[in-house]
Amino acid sequence: MTPDDILRELYDKTLVGNAPAVLELTEAGLELGMGPETLLFDALIPSLEEVGARFERGDFFVPEMLIAGRAMSGAMNRLRPLLAETGAQTVGTFVMGTVKGDVHDIGKNLVNIMLEGAGFHVIDLGVQVAPEKFVAAIQEHQPDIVGFSAFLTTTMPMFKANLNALQKAGLRDQVIVMVGGAPVTQEYADAVGADAYAADASATVKKAKDLIARRRAAVPV
């Protein structure tokens, strides 16, 4: 196979979520001497962007997004250390967690996969994340964005508790706050003082990129 063949196949196999083939093609590309950033930016990311576009059009649904994301994730596990060695530039750093009292993570995990696929460095704090853990992660990693996820209506008030904790720690102005989850709405996000709300994984990636670009454009160099 030529490098062009590998990129084309990698795109196609990621699109349909064929994880074994994606990993095999990733290895084949590396053996041919292709750079990890080439495999990522010329095949994997464009494929996942197409998955997101198809989801928005209603051609793909959550199961298709999940299997494509998992296929991409397998390749990323192989490429991540190699990309770190090349010093490949990330879009931004995103700290993510499901709020305290909530153990749901399928939606969060899908968002993480899509963000990583789009070139973000994602730090996943897991589920049942207390406000002080979000504060500590922001202090340690200095992310561009922090994401709060809630699946249960009863845990949505934790958004406000988290924001209050960031305010108290003097971190609120240093980080963009995004919220999401099944019961969450734009109105609720506005009410608690979040910077943005996203209804699904694809929207999260678009909004995150836009928010970072706007914030960086507003900061004098």
N, C-alpha and C. Protein backbone atom coordinates (compact mmCIF):
# COMPACT_ATOMS: atom_id res chain seq x y z
N MET A 1 0.83 -1.21 0.00
CA MET A 1 0.00 0.00 0.00
C MET A 1 0.86 1.26 0.00
N THR A 2 0.44 2.25 -0.73
CA THR A 2 1.14 3.53 -0.73
C THR A 2 0.63 4.37 0.44
N PRO A 3 1.36 5.43 0.80
CA PRO A 3 0.86 6.32 1.86
C PRO A 3 -0.54 6.86 1.56
N ASP A 4 -0.80 7.21 0.28
CA ASP A 4 -2.12 7.71 -0.09
C ASP A 4 -3.20 6.65 0.13
N ASP A 5 -2.87 5.40 -0.20
CA ASP A 5 -3.82 4.30 0.03
C ASP A 5 -4.15 4.17 1.52
N ILE A 6 -3.11 4.27 2.33
CA ILE A 6 -3.31 4.13 3.78
C ILE A 6 -4.18 5.25 4.32
N LEU A 7 -3.93 6.47 3.90
CA LEU A 7 -4.74 7.60 4.37
C LEU A 7 -6.20 7.45 3.95
N ARG A 8 -6.41 7.01 2.70
CA ARG A 8 -7.78 6.84 2.20
C ARG A 8 -8.51 5.74 2.98
N GLU A 9 -7.80 4.61 3.17
CA GLU A 9 -8.40 3.49 3.90
C GLU A 9 -8.64 3.83 5.37
N LEU A 10 -7.69 4.56 5.95
CA LEU A 10 -7.81 4.95 7.35
C LEU A 10 -9.04 5.84 7.55
N TYR A 11 -9.24 6.74 6.61
CA TYR A 11 -10.43 7.61 6.64
C TYR A 11 -11.70 6.77 6.57
N ASP A 12 -11.74 5.87 5.61
CA ASP A 12 -12.95 5.05 5.38
C ASP A 12 -13.24 4.12 6.55
N LYS A 13 -12.21 3.47 7.08
CA LYS A 13 -12.41 2.50 8.16
C LYS A 13 -12.78 3.19 9.48
N THR A 14 -12.26 4.41 9.68
CA THR A 14 -12.64 5.17 10.87
C THR A 14 -14.11 5.57 10.77
N LEU A 15 -14.51 5.97 9.59
CA LEU A 15 -15.89 6.41 9.35
C LEU A 15 -16.91 5.33 9.71
N VAL A 16 -16.58 4.08 9.40
CA VAL A 16 -17.52 2.98 9.68
C VAL A 16 -17.21 2.30 11.02
N GLY A 17 -16.20 2.78 11.73
CA GLY A 17 -15.91 2.26 13.06
C GLY A 17 -15.28 0.89 13.09
N ASN A 18 -14.47 0.58 12.09
CA ASN A 18 -13.78 -0.72 12.06
C ASN A 18 -12.47 -0.60 12.84
N ALA A 19 -12.56 -0.79 14.16
CA ALA A 19 -11.40 -0.55 15.04
C ALA A 19 -10.17 -1.41 14.71
N PRO A 20 -10.33 -2.72 14.48
CA PRO A 20 -9.13 -3.52 14.15
C PRO A 20 -8.43 -3.03 12.89
N ALA A 21 -9.22 -2.68 11.86
CA ALA A 21 -8.63 -2.20 10.60
C ALA A 21 -7.94 -0.86 10.81
N VAL A 22 -8.54 0.02 11.62
CA VAL A 22 -7.95 1.33 11.88
C VAL A 22 -6.59 1.18 12.56
N LEU A 23 -6.52 0.30 13.54
CA LEU A 23 -5.25 0.07 14.24
C LEU A 23 -4.21 -0.55 13.32
N GLU A 24 -4.66 -1.49 12.49
CA GLU A 24 -3.76 -2.16 11.54
C GLU A 24 -3.19 -1.15 10.53
N LEU A 25 -4.06 -0.29 10.03
CA LEU A 25 -3.63 0.72 9.05
C LEU A 25 -2.70 1.75 9.70
N THR A 26 -2.98 2.09 10.95
CA THR A 26 -2.11 3.02 11.68
C THR A 26 -0.71 2.43 11.78
N GLU A 27 -0.63 1.16 12.16
CA GLU A 27 0.67 0.48 12.26
C GLU A 27 1.37 0.42 10.90
N ALA A 28 0.58 0.12 9.86
CA ALA A 28 1.15 0.02 8.51
C ALA A 28 1.72 1.37 8.07
N GLY A 29 1.00 2.43 8.41
CA GLY A 29 1.48 3.77 8.06
C GLY A 29 2.78 4.11 8.77
N LEU A 30 2.84 3.77 10.04
CA LEU A 30 4.07 4.04 10.82
C LEU A 30 5.25 3.23 10.27
N GLU A 31 4.98 1.98 9.88
CA GLU A 31 6.03 1.13 9.31
C GLU A 31 6.56 1.68 7.99
N LEU A 32 5.68 2.37 7.25
CA LEU A 32 6.09 3.00 5.99
C LEU A 32 6.87 4.29 6.22
N GLY A 33 6.95 4.69 7.48
CA GLY A 33 7.67 5.92 7.79
C GLY A 33 6.80 7.16 7.78
N MET A 34 5.46 6.98 7.75
CA MET A 34 4.56 8.13 7.79
C MET A 34 4.56 8.71 9.20
N GLY A 35 4.54 10.03 9.29
CA GLY A 35 4.54 10.68 10.60
C GLY A 35 3.19 10.54 11.30
N PRO A 36 3.19 10.46 12.63
CA PRO A 36 1.93 10.33 13.36
C PRO A 36 0.97 11.50 13.10
N GLU A 37 1.57 12.70 12.92
CA GLU A 37 0.71 13.86 12.67
C GLU A 37 0.03 13.77 11.30
N THR A 38 0.70 13.13 10.32
CA THR A 38 0.09 12.94 9.00
C THR A 38 -1.12 12.02 9.10
N LEU A 39 -0.97 10.92 9.82
CA LEU A 39 -2.08 9.98 10.00
C LEU A 39 -3.24 10.65 10.73
N LEU A 40 -2.90 11.48 11.71
CA LEU A 40 -3.94 12.14 12.50
C LEU A 40 -4.65 13.23 11.72
N PHE A 41 -3.88 14.16 11.15
CA PHE A 41 -4.49 15.34 10.55
C PHE A 41 -4.97 15.13 9.11
N ASP A 42 -4.46 14.10 8.43
CA ASP A 42 -4.87 13.87 7.04
C ASP A 42 -5.88 12.74 6.88
N ALA A 43 -6.16 12.01 7.96
CA ALA A 43 -7.12 10.89 7.83
C ALA A 43 -8.06 10.79 9.02
N LEU A 44 -7.50 10.65 10.22
CA LEU A 44 -8.33 10.38 11.39
C LEU A 44 -9.23 11.57 11.75
N ILE A 45 -8.66 12.75 11.86
CA ILE A 45 -9.47 13.91 12.22
C ILE A 45 -10.50 14.24 11.13
N PRO A 46 -10.11 14.28 9.84
CA PRO A 46 -11.14 14.53 8.81
C PRO A 46 -12.27 13.50 8.85
N SER A 47 -11.95 12.24 9.14
CA SER A 47 -12.97 11.21 9.20
C SER A 47 -13.94 11.47 10.35
N LEU A 48 -13.39 11.83 11.51
CA LEU A 48 -14.25 12.09 12.66
C LEU A 48 -15.07 13.37 12.45
N GLU A 49 -14.51 14.32 11.73
CA GLU A 49 -15.28 15.53 11.39
C GLU A 49 -16.47 15.18 10.49
N GLU A 50 -16.25 14.23 9.58
CA GLU A 50 -17.34 13.77 8.71
C GLU A 50 -18.39 13.03 9.53
N VAL A 51 -17.96 12.25 10.53
CA VAL A 51 -18.90 11.58 11.43
C VAL A 51 -19.78 12.63 12.11
N GLY A 52 -19.17 13.70 12.61
CA GLY A 52 -19.92 14.77 13.25
C GLY A 52 -20.89 15.44 12.31
N ALA A 53 -20.45 15.66 11.05
CA ALA A 53 -21.32 16.29 10.05
C ALA A 53 -22.52 15.39 9.73
N ARG A 54 -22.28 14.09 9.62
CA ARG A 54 -23.37 13.16 9.34
C ARG A 54 -24.35 13.08 10.50
N PHE A 55 -23.82 13.19 11.72
CA PHE A 55 -24.68 13.20 12.90
C PHE A 55 -25.60 14.42 12.87
N GLU A 56 -25.02 15.57 12.53
CA GLU A 56 -25.81 16.81 12.48
C GLU A 56 -26.89 16.75 11.40
N ARG A 57 -26.60 16.06 10.30
CA ARG A 57 -27.58 15.93 9.21
C ARG A 57 -28.64 14.87 9.51
N GLY A 58 -28.41 14.08 10.54
CA GLY A 58 -29.35 13.01 10.86
C GLY A 58 -29.06 11.72 10.12
N ASP A 59 -27.88 11.64 9.45
CA ASP A 59 -27.51 10.41 8.73
C ASP A 59 -26.85 9.40 9.67
N PHE A 60 -26.21 9.92 10.74
CA PHE A 60 -25.60 9.07 11.77
C PHE A 60 -26.31 9.34 13.09
N PHE A 61 -26.28 8.34 13.97
CA PHE A 61 -26.85 8.51 15.31
C PHE A 61 -25.79 8.19 16.35
N VAL A 62 -26.15 8.25 17.63
CA VAL A 62 -25.16 8.05 18.69
C VAL A 62 -24.38 6.73 18.55
N PRO A 63 -25.02 5.59 18.22
CA PRO A 63 -24.23 4.35 18.09
C PRO A 63 -23.12 4.45 17.04
N GLU A 64 -23.43 5.08 15.89
CA GLU A 64 -22.40 5.24 14.84
C GLU A 64 -21.26 6.15 15.32
N MET A 65 -21.64 7.20 16.07
CA MET A 65 -20.61 8.09 16.60
C MET A 65 -19.72 7.36 17.60
N LEU A 66 -20.34 6.54 18.42
CA LEU A 66 -19.58 5.80 19.43
C LEU A 66 -18.59 4.82 18.81
N ILE A 67 -19.05 4.06 17.81
CA ILE A 67 -18.13 3.05 17.24
C ILE A 67 -17.01 3.72 16.43
N ALA A 68 -17.33 4.84 15.76
CA ALA A 68 -16.28 5.58 15.05
C ALA A 68 -15.30 6.17 16.06
N GLY A 69 -15.84 6.70 17.15
CA GLY A 69 -15.00 7.29 18.19
C GLY A 69 -14.09 6.26 18.83
N ARG A 70 -14.61 5.07 19.06
CA ARG A 70 -13.80 4.01 19.66
C ARG A 70 -12.69 3.56 18.72
N ALA A 71 -13.01 3.50 17.43
CA ALA A 71 -11.99 3.14 16.43
C ALA A 71 -10.87 4.17 16.43
N MET A 72 -11.27 5.43 16.48
CA MET A 72 -10.31 6.53 16.52
C MET A 72 -9.48 6.46 17.81
N SER A 73 -10.15 6.14 18.91
CA SER A 73 -9.48 6.08 20.21
C SER A 73 -8.36 5.03 20.23
N GLY A 74 -8.61 3.89 19.58
CA GLY A 74 -7.59 2.85 19.50
C GLY A 74 -6.35 3.34 18.78
N ALA A 75 -6.55 4.07 17.69
CA ALA A 75 -5.42 4.62 16.95
C ALA A 75 -4.70 5.69 17.78
N MET A 76 -5.49 6.49 18.51
CA MET A 76 -4.90 7.56 19.32
C MET A 76 -4.01 7.00 20.43
N ASN A 77 -4.41 5.86 20.99
CA ASN A 77 -3.58 5.23 22.03
C ASN A 77 -2.19 4.90 21.49
N ARG A 78 -2.14 4.54 20.22
CA ARG A 78 -0.86 4.21 19.57
C ARG A 78 -0.09 5.49 19.20
N LEU A 79 -0.83 6.50 18.76
CA LEU A 79 -0.18 7.70 18.24
C LEU A 79 0.18 8.74 19.30
N ARG A 80 -0.56 8.73 20.41
CA ARG A 80 -0.40 9.79 21.41
C ARG A 80 1.06 9.97 21.88
N PRO A 81 1.75 8.89 22.28
CA PRO A 81 3.15 9.09 22.72
C PRO A 81 4.07 9.56 21.59
N LEU A 82 3.76 9.13 20.37
CA LEU A 82 4.58 9.56 19.23
C LEU A 82 4.35 11.04 18.93
N LEU A 83 3.10 11.47 19.04
CA LEU A 83 2.78 12.88 18.81
C LEU A 83 3.45 13.76 19.86
N ALA A 84 3.49 13.26 21.10
CA ALA A 84 4.13 14.01 22.18
C ALA A 84 5.62 14.21 21.87
N GLU A 85 6.24 13.18 21.29
CA GLU A 85 7.66 13.26 20.94
C GLU A 85 7.92 14.28 19.85
N THR A 86 6.96 14.43 18.91
CA THR A 86 7.16 15.37 17.80
C THR A 86 6.82 16.80 18.21
N GLY A 87 6.18 16.93 19.39
CA GLY A 87 5.78 18.27 19.84
C GLY A 87 4.63 18.82 19.04
N ALA A 88 3.79 17.94 18.51
CA ALA A 88 2.65 18.38 17.71
C ALA A 88 1.76 19.32 18.52
N GLN A 89 1.36 20.40 17.88
CA GLN A 89 0.56 21.43 18.54
C GLN A 89 -0.88 20.95 18.76
N THR A 90 -1.39 21.14 19.97
CA THR A 90 -2.79 20.80 20.22
C THR A 90 -3.65 22.05 20.05
N VAL A 91 -4.93 21.83 19.81
CA VAL A 91 -5.87 22.95 19.65
C VAL A 91 -6.01 23.68 20.98
N GLY A 92 -6.01 22.91 22.06
CA GLY A 92 -6.18 23.49 23.38
C GLY A 92 -6.30 22.36 24.40
N THR A 93 -6.32 22.73 25.68
CA THR A 93 -6.46 21.74 26.75
C THR A 93 -7.85 21.83 27.35
N PHE A 94 -8.47 20.67 27.54
CA PHE A 94 -9.86 20.59 27.99
C PHE A 94 -9.93 19.64 29.18
N VAL A 95 -10.29 20.17 30.36
CA VAL A 95 -10.51 19.33 31.54
C VAL A 95 -11.99 18.97 31.58
N MET A 96 -12.30 17.69 31.73
CA MET A 96 -13.68 17.23 31.66
C MET A 96 -14.01 16.32 32.84
N GLY A 97 -15.24 16.42 33.33
CA GLY A 97 -15.67 15.52 34.39
C GLY A 97 -17.18 15.52 34.56
N THR A 98 -17.71 14.39 35.03
CA THR A 98 -19.12 14.32 35.41
C THR A 98 -19.22 14.79 36.86
N VAL A 99 -20.19 15.65 37.14
CA VAL A 99 -20.25 16.32 38.44
C VAL A 99 -20.52 15.37 39.60
N LYS A 100 -20.25 15.85 40.80
CA LYS A 100 -20.44 15.08 42.03
C LYS A 100 -21.90 14.60 42.13
N GLY A 101 -22.06 13.34 42.52
CA GLY A 101 -23.39 12.76 42.66
C GLY A 101 -23.88 12.04 41.42
N ASP A 102 -23.12 12.14 40.33
CA ASP A 102 -23.54 11.55 39.05
C ASP A 102 -22.47 10.58 38.55
N VAL A 103 -22.90 9.38 38.17
CA VAL A 103 -21.93 8.36 37.73
C VAL A 103 -22.06 8.04 36.23
N HIS A 104 -22.83 8.84 35.51
CA HIS A 104 -23.02 8.58 34.07
C HIS A 104 -21.84 9.12 33.28
N ASP A 105 -21.34 8.30 32.36
CA ASP A 105 -20.16 8.77 31.62
C ASP A 105 -20.17 8.46 30.12
N ILE A 106 -21.22 7.84 29.59
CA ILE A 106 -21.20 7.51 28.16
C ILE A 106 -21.12 8.78 27.31
N GLY A 107 -21.98 9.75 27.63
CA GLY A 107 -21.96 11.01 26.88
C GLY A 107 -20.64 11.73 27.03
N LYS A 108 -20.14 11.79 28.26
CA LYS A 108 -18.85 12.45 28.52
C LYS A 108 -17.73 11.78 27.73
N ASN A 109 -17.73 10.45 27.74
CA ASN A 109 -16.67 9.72 27.04
C ASN A 109 -16.71 9.97 25.54
N LEU A 110 -17.91 10.05 24.99
CA LEU A 110 -18.05 10.33 23.56
C LEU A 110 -17.53 11.73 23.23
N VAL A 111 -17.87 12.68 24.08
CA VAL A 111 -17.37 14.05 23.89
C VAL A 111 -15.84 14.06 23.95
N ASN A 112 -15.28 13.33 24.92
CA ASN A 112 -13.81 13.29 25.05
C ASN A 112 -13.15 12.74 23.79
N ILE A 113 -13.73 11.66 23.24
CA ILE A 113 -13.18 11.06 22.03
C ILE A 113 -13.23 12.05 20.87
N MET A 114 -14.36 12.74 20.73
CA MET A 114 -14.52 13.70 19.63
C MET A 114 -13.55 14.89 19.82
N LEU A 115 -13.39 15.34 21.06
CA LEU A 115 -12.46 16.44 21.32
C LEU A 115 -11.02 16.04 21.00
N GLU A 116 -10.65 14.85 21.45
CA GLU A 116 -9.29 14.36 21.21
C GLU A 116 -9.07 14.17 19.71
N GLY A 117 -10.10 13.67 19.06
CA GLY A 117 -10.02 13.48 17.61
C GLY A 117 -9.88 14.79 16.86
N ALA A 118 -10.37 15.87 17.47
CA ALA A 118 -10.28 17.19 16.85
C ALA A 118 -8.97 17.90 17.19
N GLY A 119 -8.10 17.23 17.98
CA GLY A 119 -6.80 17.82 18.28
C GLY A 119 -6.66 18.44 19.65
N PHE A 120 -7.65 18.24 20.53
CA PHE A 120 -7.55 18.75 21.89
C PHE A 120 -6.77 17.78 22.77
N HIS A 121 -6.11 18.34 23.77
CA HIS A 121 -5.52 17.53 24.84
C HIS A 121 -6.59 17.45 25.93
N VAL A 122 -7.11 16.25 26.18
CA VAL A 122 -8.23 16.08 27.11
C VAL A 122 -7.75 15.44 28.41
N ILE A 123 -8.12 16.06 29.51
CA ILE A 123 -7.84 15.48 30.84
C ILE A 123 -9.19 15.10 31.43
N ASP A 124 -9.44 13.80 31.51
CA ASP A 124 -10.72 13.28 31.99
C ASP A 124 -10.63 12.97 33.48
N LEU A 125 -11.42 13.68 34.28
CA LEU A 125 -11.40 13.48 35.73
C LEU A 125 -12.34 12.37 36.17
N GLY A 126 -13.11 11.82 35.22
CA GLY A 126 -14.01 10.72 35.55
C GLY A 126 -15.38 11.18 36.01
N VAL A 127 -15.99 10.40 36.90
CA VAL A 127 -17.34 10.70 37.39
C VAL A 127 -17.28 11.08 38.87
N GLN A 128 -18.39 11.61 39.37
CA GLN A 128 -18.48 12.00 40.78
C GLN A 128 -17.37 12.99 41.15
N VAL A 129 -17.16 13.96 40.28
CA VAL A 129 -16.04 14.89 40.50
C VAL A 129 -16.50 16.06 41.38
N ALA A 130 -15.90 16.17 42.53
CA ALA A 130 -16.24 17.23 43.48
C ALA A 130 -15.66 18.57 43.02
N PRO A 131 -16.27 19.68 43.46
CA PRO A 131 -15.78 21.01 43.06
C PRO A 131 -14.29 21.21 43.32
N GLU A 132 -13.81 20.73 44.49
CA GLU A 132 -12.40 20.93 44.81
C GLU A 132 -11.47 20.16 43.87
N LYS A 133 -11.97 19.06 43.30
CA LYS A 133 -11.15 18.30 42.35
C LYS A 133 -11.04 19.05 41.02
N PHE A 134 -12.14 19.70 40.61
CA PHE A 134 -12.08 20.53 39.41
C PHE A 134 -11.09 21.68 39.63
N VAL A 135 -11.17 22.30 40.80
CA VAL A 135 -10.27 23.42 41.13
C VAL A 135 -8.81 22.96 41.07
N ALA A 136 -8.52 21.82 41.67
CA ALA A 136 -7.13 21.31 41.69
C ALA A 136 -6.64 21.00 40.27
N ALA A 137 -7.52 20.44 39.44
CA ALA A 137 -7.13 20.09 38.07
C ALA A 137 -6.86 21.35 37.24
N ILE A 138 -7.64 22.39 37.46
CA ILE A 138 -7.42 23.64 36.73
C ILE A 138 -6.11 24.29 37.17
N GLN A 139 -5.85 24.24 38.46
CA GLN A 139 -4.58 24.80 38.97
C GLN A 139 -3.38 24.03 38.42
N GLU A 140 -3.54 22.71 38.31
CA GLU A 140 -2.43 21.87 37.84
C GLU A 140 -2.21 21.97 36.34
N HIS A 141 -3.28 21.88 35.57
CA HIS A 141 -3.16 21.76 34.11
C HIS A 141 -3.35 23.06 33.34
N GLN A 142 -3.91 24.08 34.00
CA GLN A 142 -4.17 25.38 33.37
C GLN A 142 -4.83 25.21 32.00
N PRO A 143 -5.99 24.56 31.97
CA PRO A 143 -6.66 24.31 30.69
C PRO A 143 -7.29 25.57 30.09
N ASP A 144 -7.60 25.47 28.82
CA ASP A 144 -8.35 26.54 28.16
C ASP A 144 -9.83 26.46 28.57
N ILE A 145 -10.31 25.22 28.68
CA ILE A 145 -11.74 24.99 28.95
C ILE A 145 -11.90 23.92 30.02
N VAL A 146 -12.93 24.09 30.86
CA VAL A 146 -13.34 23.01 31.77
C VAL A 146 -14.79 22.67 31.43
N GLY A 147 -15.08 21.37 31.38
CA GLY A 147 -16.42 20.91 31.03
C GLY A 147 -17.07 20.18 32.19
N PHE A 148 -18.29 20.60 32.53
CA PHE A 148 -19.07 19.92 33.56
C PHE A 148 -20.19 19.15 32.88
N SER A 149 -20.27 17.85 33.16
CA SER A 149 -21.32 17.01 32.57
C SER A 149 -22.26 16.52 33.66
N ALA A 150 -23.59 16.55 33.37
CA ALA A 150 -24.58 16.02 34.30
C ALA A 150 -25.66 15.29 33.52
N PHE A 151 -26.00 14.11 33.97
CA PHE A 151 -27.06 13.33 33.32
C PHE A 151 -28.36 13.40 34.13
N LEU A 152 -28.22 13.55 35.43
CA LEU A 152 -29.39 13.58 36.31
C LEU A 152 -29.81 15.01 36.62
N THR A 153 -31.10 15.27 36.57
CA THR A 153 -31.61 16.59 36.92
C THR A 153 -31.19 16.98 38.33
N THR A 154 -31.14 16.00 39.22
CA THR A 154 -30.80 16.27 40.62
C THR A 154 -29.35 16.70 40.82
N THR A 155 -28.49 16.43 39.83
CA THR A 155 -27.08 16.82 39.99
C THR A 155 -26.74 18.12 39.25
N MET A 156 -27.69 18.65 38.48
CA MET A 156 -27.42 19.89 37.75
C MET A 156 -27.02 21.07 38.66
N PRO A 157 -27.58 21.17 39.90
CA PRO A 157 -27.14 22.28 40.77
C PRO A 157 -25.64 22.27 41.07
N MET A 158 -24.97 21.13 40.82
CA MET A 158 -23.52 21.09 41.04
C MET A 158 -22.78 22.03 40.07
N PHE A 159 -23.39 22.37 38.94
CA PHE A 159 -22.76 23.33 38.03
C PHE A 159 -22.47 24.63 38.79
N LYS A 160 -23.51 25.11 39.50
CA LYS A 160 -23.37 26.37 40.24
C LYS A 160 -22.35 26.22 41.36
N ALA A 161 -22.39 25.06 42.04
CA ALA A 161 -21.42 24.83 43.12
C ALA A 161 -19.99 24.84 42.57
N ASN A 162 -19.80 24.24 41.40
CA ASN A 162 -18.47 24.22 40.78
C ASN A 162 -18.03 25.63 40.40
N LEU A 163 -18.94 26.39 39.81
CA LEU A 163 -18.61 27.76 39.41
C LEU A 163 -18.28 28.62 40.62
N ASN A 164 -19.02 28.41 41.70
CA ASN A 164 -18.72 29.15 42.94
C ASN A 164 -17.33 28.80 43.46
N ALA A 165 -16.98 27.52 43.35
CA ALA A 165 -15.66 27.07 43.81
C ALA A 165 -14.55 27.70 42.97
N LEU A 166 -14.77 27.79 41.66
CA LEU A 166 -13.78 28.43 40.78
C LEU A 166 -13.64 29.90 41.14
N GLN A 167 -14.76 30.56 41.41
CA GLN A 167 -14.76 31.97 41.76
C GLN A 167 -13.96 32.19 43.06
N LYS A 168 -14.25 31.35 44.03
CA LYS A 168 -13.59 31.46 45.34
C LYS A 168 -12.08 31.24 45.23
N ALA A 169 -11.68 30.34 44.31
CA ALA A 169 -10.26 30.04 44.13
C ALA A 169 -9.56 31.06 43.22
N GLY A 170 -10.33 32.03 42.72
CA GLY A 170 -9.75 33.05 41.84
C GLY A 170 -9.44 32.55 40.44
N LEU A 171 -10.15 31.49 40.01
CA LEU A 171 -9.86 30.86 38.71
C LEU A 171 -10.92 31.14 37.65
N ARG A 172 -12.05 31.72 38.05
CA ARG A 172 -13.18 31.80 37.12
C ARG A 172 -12.82 32.52 35.81
N ASP A 173 -12.06 33.58 35.89
CA ASP A 173 -11.74 34.35 34.69
C ASP A 173 -10.62 33.73 33.86
N GLN A 174 -9.99 32.69 34.41
CA GLN A 174 -8.87 32.09 33.71
C GLN A 174 -9.27 30.94 32.79
N VAL A 175 -10.51 30.50 32.88
CA VAL A 175 -10.91 29.30 32.15
C VAL A 175 -12.32 29.47 31.57
N ILE A 176 -12.52 28.91 30.39
CA ILE A 176 -13.86 28.89 29.77
C ILE A 176 -14.62 27.72 30.38
N VAL A 177 -15.86 27.95 30.78
CA VAL A 177 -16.68 26.89 31.38
C VAL A 177 -17.78 26.46 30.42
N MET A 178 -17.76 25.17 30.06
CA MET A 178 -18.81 24.60 29.22
C MET A 178 -19.58 23.56 30.01
N VAL A 179 -20.90 23.49 29.78
CA VAL A 179 -21.74 22.52 30.48
C VAL A 179 -22.57 21.74 29.46
N GLY A 180 -22.97 20.52 29.86
CA GLY A 180 -23.79 19.71 28.97
C GLY A 180 -24.31 18.48 29.69
N GLY A 181 -25.14 17.74 28.99
CA GLY A 181 -25.77 16.54 29.55
C GLY A 181 -27.23 16.51 29.17
N ALA A 182 -27.82 15.34 29.28
CA ALA A 182 -29.19 15.12 28.80
C ALA A 182 -30.21 16.15 29.29
N PRO A 183 -30.25 16.49 30.59
CA PRO A 183 -31.31 17.40 31.04
C PRO A 183 -30.95 18.88 30.90
N VAL A 184 -29.73 19.19 30.48
CA VAL A 184 -29.24 20.56 30.48
C VAL A 184 -29.76 21.32 29.25
N THR A 185 -30.05 22.60 29.45
CA THR A 185 -30.52 23.46 28.36
C THR A 185 -29.66 24.72 28.32
N GLN A 186 -29.79 25.47 27.23
CA GLN A 186 -29.08 26.74 27.11
C GLN A 186 -29.53 27.70 28.22
N GLU A 187 -30.82 27.67 28.51
CA GLU A 187 -31.37 28.56 29.53
C GLU A 187 -30.74 28.28 30.90
N TYR A 188 -30.58 26.97 31.19
CA TYR A 188 -30.00 26.60 32.48
C TYR A 188 -28.53 27.01 32.54
N ALA A 189 -27.83 26.79 31.43
CA ALA A 189 -26.41 27.18 31.36
C ALA A 189 -26.26 28.68 31.61
N ASP A 190 -27.15 29.47 31.00
CA ASP A 190 -27.12 30.92 31.20
C ASP A 190 -27.41 31.28 32.66
N ALA A 191 -28.37 30.58 33.24
CA ALA A 191 -28.80 30.87 34.61
C ALA A 191 -27.68 30.64 35.62
N VAL A 192 -26.86 29.60 35.41
CA VAL A 192 -25.80 29.31 36.38
C VAL A 192 -24.51 30.08 36.09
N GLY A 193 -24.46 30.72 34.91
CA GLY A 193 -23.29 31.54 34.60
C GLY A 193 -22.19 30.84 33.83
N ALA A 194 -22.54 29.74 33.14
CA ALA A 194 -21.54 29.06 32.29
C ALA A 194 -21.28 29.90 31.04
N ASP A 195 -20.13 29.68 30.41
CA ASP A 195 -19.80 30.42 29.19
C ASP A 195 -20.47 29.82 27.96
N ALA A 196 -20.74 28.51 28.01
CA ALA A 196 -21.33 27.87 26.82
C ALA A 196 -22.02 26.57 27.20
N TYR A 197 -22.98 26.20 26.36
CA TYR A 197 -23.69 24.92 26.48
C TYR A 197 -23.61 24.23 25.12
N ALA A 198 -23.45 22.92 25.14
CA ALA A 198 -23.46 22.16 23.89
C ALA A 198 -24.38 20.96 24.07
N ALA A 199 -25.21 20.72 23.06
CA ALA A 199 -26.23 19.67 23.15
C ALA A 199 -25.66 18.28 22.88
N ASP A 200 -24.54 18.20 22.15
CA ASP A 200 -23.97 16.89 21.82
C ASP A 200 -22.47 17.02 21.57
N ALA A 201 -21.84 15.88 21.28
CA ALA A 201 -20.39 15.85 21.14
C ALA A 201 -19.90 16.70 19.97
N SER A 202 -20.61 16.63 18.86
CA SER A 202 -20.21 17.38 17.68
C SER A 202 -20.28 18.89 17.95
N ALA A 203 -21.36 19.32 18.60
CA ALA A 203 -21.51 20.74 18.92
C ALA A 203 -20.46 21.20 19.92
N THR A 204 -20.08 20.30 20.84
CA THR A 204 -19.05 20.64 21.83
C THR A 204 -17.74 21.00 21.15
N VAL A 205 -17.34 20.19 20.17
CA VAL A 205 -16.08 20.43 19.46
C VAL A 205 -16.12 21.78 18.75
N LYS A 206 -17.20 22.05 18.03
CA LYS A 206 -17.31 23.31 17.29
C LYS A 206 -17.26 24.51 18.23
N LYS A 207 -18.05 24.44 19.31
CA LYS A 207 -18.11 25.57 20.24
C LYS A 207 -16.78 25.76 20.95
N ALA A 208 -16.15 24.66 21.33
CA ALA A 208 -14.86 24.75 22.04
C ALA A 208 -13.82 25.43 21.16
N LYS A 209 -13.75 25.02 19.90
CA LYS A 209 -12.78 25.65 18.98
C LYS A 209 -13.06 27.13 18.82
N ASP A 210 -14.33 27.47 18.66
CA ASP A 210 -14.74 28.86 18.46
C ASP A 210 -14.42 29.71 19.70
N LEU A 211 -14.72 29.18 20.88
CA LEU A 211 -14.49 29.91 22.12
C LEU A 211 -12.99 30.17 22.35
N ILE A 212 -12.17 29.16 22.07
CA ILE A 212 -10.73 29.32 22.24
C ILE A 212 -10.19 30.35 21.24
N ALA A 213 -10.64 30.26 19.99
CA ALA A 213 -10.18 31.21 18.96
C ALA A 213 -10.56 32.63 19.34
N ARG A 214 -11.78 32.80 19.84
CA ARG A 214 -12.23 34.14 20.20
C ARG A 214 -11.46 34.68 21.41
N ARG A 215 -11.21 33.79 22.36
CA ARG A 215 -10.48 34.25 23.56
C ARG A 215 -9.04 34.62 23.18
N ARG A 216 -8.42 33.80 22.35
CA ARG A 216 -7.03 34.09 21.99
C ARG A 216 -6.92 35.37 21.14
N ALA A 217 -7.93 35.59 20.30
CA ALA A 217 -7.93 36.80 19.46
C ALA A 217 -8.09 38.06 20.31
N ALA A 218 -8.74 37.91 21.47
CA ALA A 218 -8.99 39.06 22.34
C ALA A 218 -7.82 39.36 23.26
N VAL A 219 -6.88 38.42 23.37
CA VAL A 219 -5.74 38.60 24.27
C VAL A 219 -4.57 39.21 23.49
N PRO A 220 -4.09 40.39 23.91
CA PRO A 220 -2.95 41.00 23.23
C PRO A 220 -1.71 40.13 23.34
N VAL A 221 -0.99 40.00 22.23
CA VAL A 221 0.22 39.16 22.24
C VAL A 221 1.38 39.96 22.81
